[in-house]
Amino acid sequence: MRAAFTKMHGLGNDFVVLDTRTQPLPPISPALARALADRRTGIGCDQLIVLEESTTADLRMRIFNSDGSEVAACGNATRAVAILHGSPAHIETAAGILAVQPSEGGAAVDMGEPRFEWEAIPLAYAMDTAAMPVGWDELEQPAAVNVGNPHAVFFVPNCDAVDLERLGPEIETDPLFPQRVNVNVATVDGRDAIRLRVWERGAGLTRACGTGACATAVAAMRRGLVQREVTVTLPGGSLLIAWDEGRITMTGPATESFRGTFDWGDFA
């Protein structure tokens, strides 16, 4: 059986999109997600996105990281799906229903309300999530935010100088985070500007992370470091994040790269 796919990216964070609404497909397994994501022997991507029919929204989106793990939210993928859908829509995710508004070259996404309670991150035990009394080498006192998935945010003088390839997996898998965690290192460059690098849970270093940008912006706003609308610049480009202590709005680009087909039996 040949299956059709669409390759897309948001700021270099790339996806293989399978639409089960237009083609019946067998169940998606972690092994299939890993095989398709492999950049040497598969199509190659950070996340596999599966679109399904929804009874509560215009469509349902499922997200599989390149390691095969299924996660609840992905901001860059939500913008990509908005572009693919082509009109305002509500998208059902495991993190809730997200409203999207496509625009020329991108989309605005309602990312929902952030969670700060230690149980909602989740953490292994109670602590102040605005400035956690923990550290790994030079990375200390992170903020913890759940924006559909868990994030630890470290504010540092120069995020580019942090050895995130070494510290990222150590922090991601620390027992403090029972469901693992996304690791963000950020530098505030002004009241309206943040530079950010992200070690993504289940995917590793990434050129962009939409939920990471949201979590980092909200953490900086809680500490009074930036205003309520801020540009977050990642290696792949910039996102505009706004938060009024209610729901987060993320605005940024997304692009379709190409379309193709593959033989399901080669990867299942």
C-alpha atoms as a PDB file:
ATOM      1  CA  MET A   1       0.000   0.000   0.000  1.00  0.00           C
ATOM      2  CA  ARG A   2       1.325   3.426  -0.934  1.00  0.00           C
ATOM      3  CA  ALA A   3       0.611   6.286   1.475  1.00  0.00           C
ATOM      4  CA  ALA A   4       0.658   9.974   0.578  1.00  0.00           C
ATOM      5  CA  PHE A   5       2.468  12.482   2.796  1.00  0.00           C
ATOM      6  CA  THR A   6       3.143  16.209   2.945  1.00  0.00           C
ATOM      7  CA  LYS A   7       6.512  17.491   4.180  1.00  0.00           C
ATOM      8  CA  MET A   8       6.256  20.834   6.026  1.00  0.00           C
ATOM      9  CA  HIS A   9       8.260  22.955   8.425  1.00  0.00           C
ATOM     10  CA  GLY A  10       7.894  25.875  10.799  1.00  0.00           C
ATOM     11  CA  LEU A  11      11.179  27.785  11.143  1.00  0.00           C
ATOM     12  CA  GLY A  12      13.085  24.622  10.236  1.00  0.00           C
ATOM     13  CA  ASN A  13      11.244  22.404  12.748  1.00  0.00           C
ATOM     14  CA  ASP A  14      10.082  19.861  10.171  1.00  0.00           C
ATOM     15  CA  PHE A  15       7.175  17.427   9.914  1.00  0.00           C
ATOM     16  CA  VAL A  16       5.848  14.559   7.867  1.00  0.00           C
ATOM     17  CA  VAL A  17       2.060  14.945   7.741  1.00  0.00           C
ATOM     18  CA  LEU A  18      -0.248  11.964   7.123  1.00  0.00           C
ATOM     19  CA  ASP A  19      -3.930  12.770   6.553  1.00  0.00           C
ATOM     20  CA  THR A  20      -6.117   9.776   7.432  1.00  0.00           C
ATOM     21  CA  ARG A  21      -9.223  11.745   6.426  1.00  0.00           C
ATOM     22  CA  THR A  22      -8.326  11.354   2.765  1.00  0.00           C
ATOM     23  CA  GLN A  23      -6.681   7.907   2.908  1.00  0.00           C
ATOM     24  CA  PRO A  24      -7.403   5.004   5.275  1.00  0.00           C
ATOM     25  CA  LEU A  25      -4.213   4.000   7.055  1.00  0.00           C
ATOM     26  CA  PRO A  26      -3.296   1.246   9.527  1.00  0.00           C
ATOM     27  CA  PRO A  27      -2.715   2.263  13.177  1.00  0.00           C
ATOM     28  CA  ILE A  28       0.354   4.442  13.744  1.00  0.00           C
ATOM     29  CA  SER A  29       3.013   2.725  15.866  1.00  0.00           C
ATOM     30  CA  PRO A  30       6.077   4.198  17.593  1.00  0.00           C
ATOM     31  CA  ALA A  31       8.235   2.035  15.314  1.00  0.00           C
ATOM     32  CA  LEU A  32       6.607   3.512  12.196  1.00  0.00           C
ATOM     33  CA  ALA A  33       7.111   7.052  13.519  1.00  0.00           C
ATOM     34  CA  ARG A  34      10.803   6.356  14.197  1.00  0.00           C
ATOM     35  CA  ALA A  35      11.307   4.803  10.767  1.00  0.00           C
ATOM     36  CA  LEU A  36       9.662   7.668   8.863  1.00  0.00           C
ATOM     37  CA  ALA A  37      11.551  10.260  10.938  1.00  0.00           C
ATOM     38  CA  ASP A  38      14.976   8.714  10.245  1.00  0.00           C
ATOM     39  CA  ARG A  39      16.931  11.192   8.110  1.00  0.00           C
ATOM     40  CA  ARG A  40      19.124   8.530   6.495  1.00  0.00           C
ATOM     41  CA  THR A  41      16.675   5.716   5.753  1.00  0.00           C
ATOM     42  CA  GLY A  42      13.255   7.392   6.045  1.00  0.00           C
ATOM     43  CA  ILE A  43      11.669  10.638   4.893  1.00  0.00           C
ATOM     44  CA  GLY A  44      13.234  12.573   7.774  1.00  0.00           C
ATOM     45  CA  CYS A  45      11.525  14.857  10.278  1.00  0.00           C
ATOM     46  CA  ASP A  46      11.434  16.081  13.856  1.00  0.00           C
ATOM     47  CA  GLN A  47       7.794  15.032  14.264  1.00  0.00           C
ATOM     48  CA  LEU A  48       5.272  12.825  12.481  1.00  0.00           C
ATOM     49  CA  ILE A  49       1.868  14.531  12.359  1.00  0.00           C
ATOM     50  CA  VAL A  50      -1.281  12.456  11.876  1.00  0.00           C
ATOM     51  CA  LEU A  51      -4.564  14.181  10.958  1.00  0.00           C
ATOM     52  CA  GLU A  52      -7.848  12.467  11.799  1.00  0.00           C
ATOM     53  CA  GLU A  53     -11.571  13.179  11.836  1.00  0.00           C
ATOM     54  CA  SER A  54     -12.847  14.858  15.015  1.00  0.00           C
ATOM     55  CA  THR A  55     -16.289  14.912  16.624  1.00  0.00           C
ATOM     56  CA  THR A  56     -15.500  18.062  18.641  1.00  0.00           C
ATOM     57  CA  ALA A  57     -13.476  20.190  16.188  1.00  0.00           C
ATOM     58  CA  ASP A  58     -12.756  20.609  12.482  1.00  0.00           C
ATOM     59  CA  LEU A  59     -10.006  17.995  12.658  1.00  0.00           C
ATOM     60  CA  ARG A  60      -7.811  16.118  15.130  1.00  0.00           C
ATOM     61  CA  MET A  61      -3.994  16.284  15.214  1.00  0.00           C
ATOM     62  CA  ARG A  62      -1.731  13.645  16.765  1.00  0.00           C
ATOM     63  CA  ILE A  63       2.001  14.274  17.236  1.00  0.00           C
ATOM     64  CA  PHE A  64       4.810  11.702  17.361  1.00  0.00           C
ATOM     65  CA  ASN A  65       8.394  12.734  18.124  1.00  0.00           C
ATOM     66  CA  SER A  66      11.267  11.272  16.151  1.00  0.00           C
ATOM     67  CA  ASP A  67      11.912   8.788  18.975  1.00  0.00           C
ATOM     68  CA  GLY A  68       8.373   7.401  18.530  1.00  0.00           C
ATOM     69  CA  SER A  69       6.885   8.957  21.660  1.00  0.00           C
ATOM     70  CA  GLU A  70       3.476  10.597  21.294  1.00  0.00           C
ATOM     71  CA  VAL A  71       3.116  14.090  22.764  1.00  0.00           C
ATOM     72  CA  ALA A  72       0.199  16.421  23.358  1.00  0.00           C
ATOM     73  CA  ALA A  73       1.265  19.690  21.729  1.00  0.00           C
ATOM     74  CA  CYS A  74       3.509  21.189  19.049  1.00  0.00           C
ATOM     75  CA  GLY A  75       3.133  24.864  18.221  1.00  0.00           C
ATOM     76  CA  ASN A  76       5.091  24.810  14.961  1.00  0.00           C
ATOM     77  CA  ALA A  77       3.121  21.796  13.713  1.00  0.00           C
ATOM     78  CA  THR A  78      -0.147  23.522  14.600  1.00  0.00           C
ATOM     79  CA  ARG A  79       0.798  26.449  12.361  1.00  0.00           C
ATOM     80  CA  ALA A  80       1.759  24.024   9.589  1.00  0.00           C
ATOM     81  CA  VAL A  81      -1.574  22.223   9.849  1.00  0.00           C
ATOM     82  CA  ALA A  82      -3.358  25.581   9.799  1.00  0.00           C
ATOM     83  CA  ILE A  83      -1.618  26.405   6.501  1.00  0.00           C
ATOM     84  CA  LEU A  84      -2.489  22.966   5.127  1.00  0.00           C
ATOM     85  CA  HIS A  85      -6.155  23.380   6.180  1.00  0.00           C
ATOM     86  CA  GLY A  86      -6.255  26.806   4.546  1.00  0.00           C
ATOM     87  CA  SER A  87      -9.013  28.482   6.567  1.00  0.00           C
ATOM     88  CA  PRO A  88      -9.807  29.373  10.197  1.00  0.00           C
ATOM     89  CA  ALA A  89     -10.353  26.184  12.178  1.00  0.00           C
ATOM     90  CA  HIS A  90     -10.436  24.484  15.550  1.00  0.00           C
ATOM     91  CA  ILE A  91      -7.943  21.639  15.922  1.00  0.00           C
ATOM     92  CA  GLU A  92      -8.413  18.920  18.531  1.00  0.00           C
ATOM     93  CA  THR A  93      -5.184  17.879  20.292  1.00  0.00           C
ATOM     94  CA  ALA A  94      -4.399  15.910  23.414  1.00  0.00           C
ATOM     95  CA  ALA A  95      -3.662  19.295  25.033  1.00  0.00           C
ATOM     96  CA  GLY A  96      -7.114  20.663  24.167  1.00  0.00           C
ATOM     97  CA  ILE A  97      -8.808  22.372  21.242  1.00  0.00           C
ATOM     98  CA  LEU A  98      -6.707  25.067  19.551  1.00  0.00           C
ATOM     99  CA  ALA A  99      -8.084  27.846  17.339  1.00  0.00           C
ATOM    100  CA  VAL A 100      -5.977  28.717  14.279  1.00  0.00           C
ATOM    101  CA  GLN A 101      -6.109  31.623  11.853  1.00  0.00           C
ATOM    102  CA  PRO A 102      -4.030  31.146   8.678  1.00  0.00           C
ATOM    103  CA  SER A 103      -2.460  34.215   7.106  1.00  0.00           C
ATOM    104  CA  GLU A 104      -0.129  34.801   4.183  1.00  0.00           C
ATOM    105  CA  GLY A 105       2.913  32.642   4.856  1.00  0.00           C
ATOM    106  CA  GLY A 106       1.949  31.659   8.375  1.00  0.00           C
ATOM    107  CA  ALA A 107      -0.720  31.453  11.044  1.00  0.00           C
ATOM    108  CA  ALA A 108      -1.800  32.721  14.444  1.00  0.00           C
ATOM    109  CA  VAL A 109      -2.563  30.010  16.983  1.00  0.00           C
ATOM    110  CA  ASP A 110      -4.444  30.193  20.273  1.00  0.00           C
ATOM    111  CA  MET A 111      -2.173  27.990  22.399  1.00  0.00           C
ATOM    112  CA  GLY A 112      -4.458  27.904  25.435  1.00  0.00           C
ATOM    113  CA  GLU A 113      -3.650  28.784  29.042  1.00  0.00           C
ATOM    114  CA  PRO A 114      -0.273  27.943  30.598  1.00  0.00           C
ATOM    115  CA  ARG A 115      -0.131  25.839  33.762  1.00  0.00           C
ATOM    116  CA  PHE A 116       2.281  26.559  36.612  1.00  0.00           C
ATOM    117  CA  GLU A 117       1.243  24.167  39.411  1.00  0.00           C
ATOM    118  CA  TRP A 118       3.987  21.660  40.172  1.00  0.00           C
ATOM    119  CA  GLU A 119       1.543  18.751  39.683  1.00  0.00           C
ATOM    120  CA  ALA A 120       0.621  20.066  36.210  1.00  0.00           C
ATOM    121  CA  ILE A 121       4.196  20.230  34.890  1.00  0.00           C
ATOM    122  CA  PRO A 122       4.518  17.527  36.349  1.00  0.00           C
ATOM    123  CA  LEU A 123       7.358  17.556  38.902  1.00  0.00           C
ATOM    124  CA  ALA A 124       8.299  14.701  41.205  1.00  0.00           C
ATOM    125  CA  TYR A 125       7.632  16.849  44.271  1.00  0.00           C
ATOM    126  CA  ALA A 126       6.311  20.282  45.225  1.00  0.00           C
ATOM    127  CA  MET A 127       8.377  23.407  44.639  1.00  0.00           C
ATOM    128  CA  ASP A 128       8.066  26.992  43.403  1.00  0.00           C
ATOM    129  CA  THR A 129       7.826  26.745  39.614  1.00  0.00           C
ATOM    130  CA  ALA A 130       8.605  30.438  39.022  1.00  0.00           C
ATOM    131  CA  ALA A 131      12.213  29.904  40.168  1.00  0.00           C
ATOM    132  CA  MET A 132      12.938  26.280  41.017  1.00  0.00           C
ATOM    133  CA  PRO A 133      15.704  25.770  43.629  1.00  0.00           C
ATOM    134  CA  VAL A 134      17.629  23.301  41.438  1.00  0.00           C
ATOM    135  CA  GLY A 135      20.508  23.449  38.988  1.00  0.00           C
ATOM    136  CA  TRP A 136      22.697  21.572  36.536  1.00  0.00           C
ATOM    137  CA  ASP A 137      26.203  23.060  36.132  1.00  0.00           C
ATOM    138  CA  GLU A 138      25.739  26.723  35.152  1.00  0.00           C
ATOM    139  CA  LEU A 139      21.996  26.281  34.522  1.00  0.00           C
ATOM    140  CA  GLU A 140      20.181  27.230  37.725  1.00  0.00           C
ATOM    141  CA  GLN A 141      16.762  28.259  39.052  1.00  0.00           C
ATOM    142  CA  PRO A 142      14.663  27.405  36.007  1.00  0.00           C
ATOM    143  CA  ALA A 143      11.024  28.287  35.607  1.00  0.00           C
ATOM    144  CA  ALA A 144       8.647  25.407  34.867  1.00  0.00           C
ATOM    145  CA  VAL A 145       5.642  25.861  32.578  1.00  0.00           C
ATOM    146  CA  ASN A 146       3.218  23.428  30.967  1.00  0.00           C
ATOM    147  CA  VAL A 147       1.834  24.668  27.636  1.00  0.00           C
ATOM    148  CA  GLY A 148       0.440  21.316  26.549  1.00  0.00           C
ATOM    149  CA  ASN A 149       3.798  19.736  27.293  1.00  0.00           C
ATOM    150  CA  PRO A 150       6.347  20.354  30.077  1.00  0.00           C
ATOM    151  CA  HIS A 151       9.121  22.954  29.801  1.00  0.00           C
ATOM    152  CA  ALA A 152      12.023  24.027  32.018  1.00  0.00           C
ATOM    153  CA  VAL A 153      13.243  27.534  31.146  1.00  0.00           C
ATOM    154  CA  PHE A 154      16.711  28.806  32.112  1.00  0.00           C
ATOM    155  CA  PHE A 155      17.597  32.492  31.692  1.00  0.00           C
ATOM    156  CA  VAL A 156      21.307  32.932  30.963  1.00  0.00           C
ATOM    157  CA  PRO A 157      23.628  35.768  29.821  1.00  0.00           C
ATOM    158  CA  ASN A 158      24.335  34.065  26.488  1.00  0.00           C
ATOM    159  CA  CYS A 159      22.194  31.121  25.406  1.00  0.00           C
ATOM    160  CA  ASP A 160      24.558  30.383  22.501  1.00  0.00           C
ATOM    161  CA  ALA A 161      27.396  29.608  24.928  1.00  0.00           C
ATOM    162  CA  VAL A 162      25.502  26.827  26.756  1.00  0.00           C
ATOM    163  CA  ASP A 163      26.504  23.234  25.933  1.00  0.00           C
ATOM    164  CA  LEU A 164      22.888  22.237  25.390  1.00  0.00           C
ATOM    165  CA  GLU A 165      23.796  19.078  23.501  1.00  0.00           C
ATOM    166  CA  ARG A 166      25.357  17.771  26.733  1.00  0.00           C
ATOM    167  CA  LEU A 167      23.076  19.293  29.361  1.00  0.00           C
ATOM    168  CA  GLY A 168      19.801  18.896  27.432  1.00  0.00           C
ATOM    169  CA  PRO A 169      19.482  15.106  27.670  1.00  0.00           C
ATOM    170  CA  GLU A 170      20.688  15.133  31.289  1.00  0.00           C
ATOM    171  CA  ILE A 171      17.971  17.564  32.338  1.00  0.00           C
ATOM    172  CA  GLU A 172      15.312  16.015  30.069  1.00  0.00           C
ATOM    173  CA  THR A 173      15.639  12.650  31.817  1.00  0.00           C
ATOM    174  CA  ASP A 174      16.234  13.858  35.390  1.00  0.00           C
ATOM    175  CA  PRO A 175      13.963  12.067  37.913  1.00  0.00           C
ATOM    176  CA  LEU A 176      12.584  15.492  38.901  1.00  0.00           C
ATOM    177  CA  PHE A 177      10.547  15.296  35.669  1.00  0.00           C
ATOM    178  CA  PRO A 178       8.486  12.062  35.655  1.00  0.00           C
ATOM    179  CA  GLN A 179       7.317  12.633  32.058  1.00  0.00           C
ATOM    180  CA  ARG A 180      10.687  14.080  30.945  1.00  0.00           C
ATOM    181  CA  VAL A 181      10.912  17.768  30.004  1.00  0.00           C
ATOM    182  CA  ASN A 182      11.772  20.171  27.195  1.00  0.00           C
ATOM    183  CA  VAL A 183      14.857  22.227  28.063  1.00  0.00           C
ATOM    184  CA  ASN A 184      14.980  25.917  27.091  1.00  0.00           C
ATOM    185  CA  VAL A 185      17.951  28.275  27.490  1.00  0.00           C
ATOM    186  CA  ALA A 186      17.047  31.922  26.888  1.00  0.00           C
ATOM    187  CA  THR A 187      18.684  35.336  26.830  1.00  0.00           C
ATOM    188  CA  VAL A 188      16.588  38.474  27.262  1.00  0.00           C
ATOM    189  CA  ASP A 189      17.818  41.104  24.781  1.00  0.00           C
ATOM    190  CA  GLY A 190      15.263  43.777  25.655  1.00  0.00           C
ATOM    191  CA  ARG A 191      11.719  44.354  26.859  1.00  0.00           C
ATOM    192  CA  ASP A 192      10.422  42.987  23.557  1.00  0.00           C
ATOM    193  CA  ALA A 193      13.085  40.452  22.517  1.00  0.00           C
ATOM    194  CA  ILE A 194      14.288  37.018  23.649  1.00  0.00           C
ATOM    195  CA  ARG A 195      16.850  34.679  22.061  1.00  0.00           C
ATOM    196  CA  LEU A 196      16.152  30.992  22.624  1.00  0.00           C
ATOM    197  CA  ARG A 197      17.623  27.542  22.063  1.00  0.00           C
ATOM    198  CA  VAL A 198      15.686  24.355  22.831  1.00  0.00           C
ATOM    199  CA  TRP A 199      16.503  20.744  23.579  1.00  0.00           C
ATOM    200  CA  GLU A 200      13.191  19.104  22.680  1.00  0.00           C
ATOM    201  CA  ARG A 201      11.957  16.108  24.628  1.00  0.00           C
ATOM    202  CA  GLY A 202      12.124  13.085  22.341  1.00  0.00           C
ATOM    203  CA  ALA A 203      13.684  15.000  19.429  1.00  0.00           C
ATOM    204  CA  GLY A 204      16.887  16.663  20.678  1.00  0.00           C
ATOM    205  CA  LEU A 205      18.299  19.993  19.540  1.00  0.00           C
ATOM    206  CA  THR A 206      15.811  21.720  17.280  1.00  0.00           C
ATOM    207  CA  ARG A 207      15.892  24.792  15.070  1.00  0.00           C
ATOM    208  CA  ALA A 208      12.584  25.935  16.509  1.00  0.00           C
ATOM    209  CA  CYS A 209      10.048  24.941  19.152  1.00  0.00           C
ATOM    210  CA  GLY A 210       6.704  26.747  19.252  1.00  0.00           C
ATOM    211  CA  THR A 211       5.652  25.561  22.699  1.00  0.00           C
ATOM    212  CA  GLY A 212       9.179  26.352  23.934  1.00  0.00           C
ATOM    213  CA  ALA A 213       8.828  29.923  22.660  1.00  0.00           C
ATOM    214  CA  CYS A 214       5.459  30.200  24.421  1.00  0.00           C
ATOM    215  CA  ALA A 215       6.765  28.741  27.691  1.00  0.00           C
ATOM    216  CA  THR A 216       9.856  30.955  27.651  1.00  0.00           C
ATOM    217  CA  ALA A 217       7.911  34.129  26.893  1.00  0.00           C
ATOM    218  CA  VAL A 218       5.403  33.412  29.659  1.00  0.00           C
ATOM    219  CA  ALA A 219       8.190  32.614  32.159  1.00  0.00           C
ATOM    220  CA  ALA A 220       9.940  35.892  31.293  1.00  0.00           C
ATOM    221  CA  MET A 221       6.675  37.815  31.667  1.00  0.00           C
ATOM    222  CA  ARG A 222       6.036  36.230  35.081  1.00  0.00           C
ATOM    223  CA  ARG A 223       9.462  37.445  36.216  1.00  0.00           C
ATOM    224  CA  GLY A 224       8.841  40.945  34.821  1.00  0.00           C
ATOM    225  CA  LEU A 225      11.709  40.649  32.334  1.00  0.00           C
ATOM    226  CA  VAL A 226       9.685  41.498  29.198  1.00  0.00           C
ATOM    227  CA  GLN A 227       6.438  43.119  28.156  1.00  0.00           C
ATOM    228  CA  ARG A 228       3.242  41.218  27.335  1.00  0.00           C
ATOM    229  CA  GLU A 229       4.099  40.830  23.653  1.00  0.00           C
ATOM    230  CA  VAL A 230       7.576  39.671  22.738  1.00  0.00           C
ATOM    231  CA  THR A 231       9.527  38.398  19.741  1.00  0.00           C
ATOM    232  CA  VAL A 232      11.266  35.104  20.466  1.00  0.00           C
ATOM    233  CA  THR A 233      14.134  34.367  18.061  1.00  0.00           C
ATOM    234  CA  LEU A 234      15.283  30.759  17.635  1.00  0.00           C
ATOM    235  CA  PRO A 235      17.980  29.391  15.314  1.00  0.00           C
ATOM    236  CA  GLY A 236      15.330  28.871  12.636  1.00  0.00           C
ATOM    237  CA  GLY A 237      13.649  32.266  12.890  1.00  0.00           C
ATOM    238  CA  SER A 238      11.283  34.344  15.003  1.00  0.00           C
ATOM    239  CA  LEU A 239       7.845  33.960  16.599  1.00  0.00           C
ATOM    240  CA  LEU A 240       5.620  36.627  18.119  1.00  0.00           C
ATOM    241  CA  ILE A 241       4.197  35.564  21.483  1.00  0.00           C
ATOM    242  CA  ALA A 242       1.470  37.474  23.349  1.00  0.00           C
ATOM    243  CA  TRP A 243       0.008  36.656  26.780  1.00  0.00           C
ATOM    244  CA  ASP A 244      -2.416  38.684  28.884  1.00  0.00           C
ATOM    245  CA  GLU A 245      -2.382  36.205  31.810  1.00  0.00           C
ATOM    246  CA  GLY A 246      -5.129  34.282  30.017  1.00  0.00           C
ATOM    247  CA  ARG A 247      -4.557  32.437  26.761  1.00  0.00           C
ATOM    248  CA  ILE A 248      -1.315  32.546  24.770  1.00  0.00           C
ATOM    249  CA  THR A 249      -1.277  33.628  21.119  1.00  0.00           C
ATOM    250  CA  MET A 250       1.606  32.524  18.903  1.00  0.00           C
ATOM    251  CA  THR A 251       2.084  34.013  15.420  1.00  0.00           C
ATOM    252  CA  GLY A 252       4.684  32.917  12.895  1.00  0.00           C
ATOM    253  CA  PRO A 253       5.469  31.313   9.536  1.00  0.00           C
ATOM    254  CA  ALA A 254       4.979  27.793   8.231  1.00  0.00           C
ATOM    255  CA  THR A 255       5.816  26.305   4.846  1.00  0.00           C
ATOM    256  CA  GLU A 256       4.968  23.287   2.727  1.00  0.00           C
ATOM    257  CA  SER A 257       8.201  21.768   1.393  1.00  0.00           C
ATOM    258  CA  PHE A 258       7.038  18.951  -0.899  1.00  0.00           C
ATOM    259  CA  ARG A 259       4.628  16.033  -1.289  1.00  0.00           C
ATOM    260  CA  GLY A 260       5.242  12.398  -2.028  1.00  0.00           C
ATOM    261  CA  THR A 261       4.290   8.800  -1.358  1.00  0.00           C
ATOM    262  CA  PHE A 262       5.933   5.840   0.345  1.00  0.00           C
ATOM    263  CA  ASP A 263       5.296   2.104   0.573  1.00  0.00           C
ATOM    264  CA  TRP A 264       3.793   1.442   4.014  1.00  0.00           C
ATOM    265  CA  GLY A 265       5.316  -2.027   4.185  1.00  0.00           C
ATOM    266  CA  ASP A 266       8.826  -0.579   3.919  1.00  0.00           C
ATOM    267  CA  PHE A 267       8.395   1.237   7.256  1.00  0.00           C
ATOM    268  CA  ALA A 268       5.751  -0.616   9.285  1.00  0.00           C
END
